[in-house]
Amino acid sequence: MKEGIHPAYREVVFLDQQTGNTFISRSTLNSRETIEIDGTTYPLFKCDVTSESHPFYTGAQTRIVETGRVEKFRQRFARTAGTRSKPTA
């Protein structure tokens, strides 16, 4: 690799803002904020959603209520349900 053209690959702390959990991973992210963990200062990156707080991973994903959809469909097409034309022989 050429020297001086690649970004610094270092340990970065990721903070989940919803849960407050932090984890250390290696990244090339640049950040103005820092955090000290166990006497070592790391760059800090604040995440809105991680696997700790995303509904898909936590199992809190809400299901779409099917009865609401069915009732909405019936209301929309209730007017045309009895006006079906009879086939001519």
Protein backbone atom coordinates (compact mmCIF):
# COMPACT_ATOMS: atom_id res chain seq x y z
CA MET A 1 0.00 0.00 0.00
CA LYS A 2 1.09 3.53 -0.65
CA GLU A 3 1.94 5.58 2.42
CA GLY A 4 -0.12 8.64 3.30
CA ILE A 5 -3.15 8.07 1.05
CA HIS A 6 -5.27 5.78 3.26
CA PRO A 7 -7.42 6.98 6.18
CA ALA A 8 -6.40 6.02 9.70
CA TYR A 9 -7.91 2.67 10.70
CA ARG A 10 -8.28 2.73 14.45
CA GLU A 11 -10.54 1.74 17.32
CA VAL A 12 -13.69 3.87 17.61
CA VAL A 13 -16.43 3.82 20.28
CA PHE A 14 -19.99 3.61 18.96
CA LEU A 15 -22.72 4.91 21.29
CA ASP A 16 -26.34 3.82 20.82
CA GLN A 17 -28.29 6.93 21.79
CA GLN A 18 -31.53 5.05 22.47
CA THR A 19 -30.13 2.50 24.91
CA GLY A 20 -26.89 4.14 26.04
CA ASN A 21 -24.86 1.02 25.19
CA THR A 22 -21.34 1.47 23.85
CA PHE A 23 -19.09 -0.87 21.94
CA ILE A 24 -15.62 -0.57 20.48
CA SER A 25 -14.93 -1.47 16.89
CA ARG A 26 -12.29 -0.60 14.32
CA SER A 27 -13.21 2.04 11.77
CA THR A 28 -11.94 4.92 9.64
CA LEU A 29 -14.61 7.32 10.96
CA ASN A 30 -13.52 10.79 11.96
CA SER A 31 -15.15 12.44 14.95
CA ARG A 32 -14.62 15.62 16.94
CA GLU A 33 -15.97 14.01 20.09
CA THR A 34 -13.92 11.65 22.23
CA ILE A 35 -14.64 9.39 25.16
CA GLU A 36 -12.35 7.82 27.73
CA ILE A 37 -12.81 4.14 28.52
CA ASP A 38 -10.42 2.28 30.87
CA GLY A 39 -7.89 5.11 30.68
CA THR A 40 -7.75 5.16 26.87
CA THR A 41 -9.24 7.97 24.79
CA TYR A 42 -11.22 6.92 21.72
CA PRO A 43 -13.09 8.85 19.03
CA LEU A 44 -16.87 8.73 19.71
CA PHE A 45 -19.53 8.10 17.07
CA LYS A 46 -23.17 8.47 18.13
CA CYS A 47 -25.60 6.07 16.42
CA ASP A 48 -29.34 6.55 16.27
CA VAL A 49 -30.05 2.82 15.88
CA THR A 50 -27.93 -0.29 16.44
CA SER A 51 -28.75 -3.97 16.75
CA GLU A 52 -29.33 -3.33 20.48
CA SER A 53 -32.25 -0.97 19.81
CA HIS A 54 -33.63 -1.78 16.33
CA PRO A 55 -37.10 -3.35 16.50
CA PHE A 56 -36.17 -6.13 14.05
CA TYR A 57 -33.39 -7.41 16.31
CA THR A 58 -35.14 -6.80 19.64
CA GLY A 59 -38.34 -8.60 18.63
CA ALA A 60 -40.50 -5.55 19.32
CA GLN A 61 -41.45 -5.20 15.69
CA THR A 62 -45.13 -4.37 15.38
CA ARG A 63 -47.29 -6.42 13.08
CA ILE A 64 -49.70 -4.79 10.68
CA VAL A 65 -53.26 -5.34 11.83
CA GLU A 66 -54.85 -7.36 9.05
CA THR A 67 -58.43 -6.87 10.24
CA GLY A 68 -58.11 -3.13 9.68
CA ARG A 69 -57.11 -3.71 6.08
CA VAL A 70 -59.91 -6.18 5.46
CA GLU A 71 -62.53 -3.83 6.94
CA LYS A 72 -61.23 -0.93 4.88
CA PHE A 73 -61.48 -3.09 1.73
CA ARG A 74 -65.05 -4.14 2.56
CA GLN A 75 -66.14 -0.55 3.19
CA ARG A 76 -64.64 0.62 -0.08
CA PHE A 77 -66.27 -2.07 -2.21
CA ALA A 78 -69.52 -2.51 -0.27
CA ARG A 79 -71.30 -0.18 -2.68
CA THR A 80 -70.44 -2.26 -5.74
CA ALA A 81 -70.94 -5.70 -4.18
CA GLY A 82 -74.65 -5.99 -5.14
CA THR A 83 -74.49 -4.27 -8.52
CA ARG A 84 -72.86 -7.10 -10.37
CA SER A 85 -74.28 -7.55 -13.84
CA LYS A 86 -75.73 -10.93 -14.72
CA PRO A 87 -74.25 -12.70 -17.71
CA THR A 88 -76.53 -12.73 -20.72
CA ALA A 89 -77.34 -16.04 -22.37
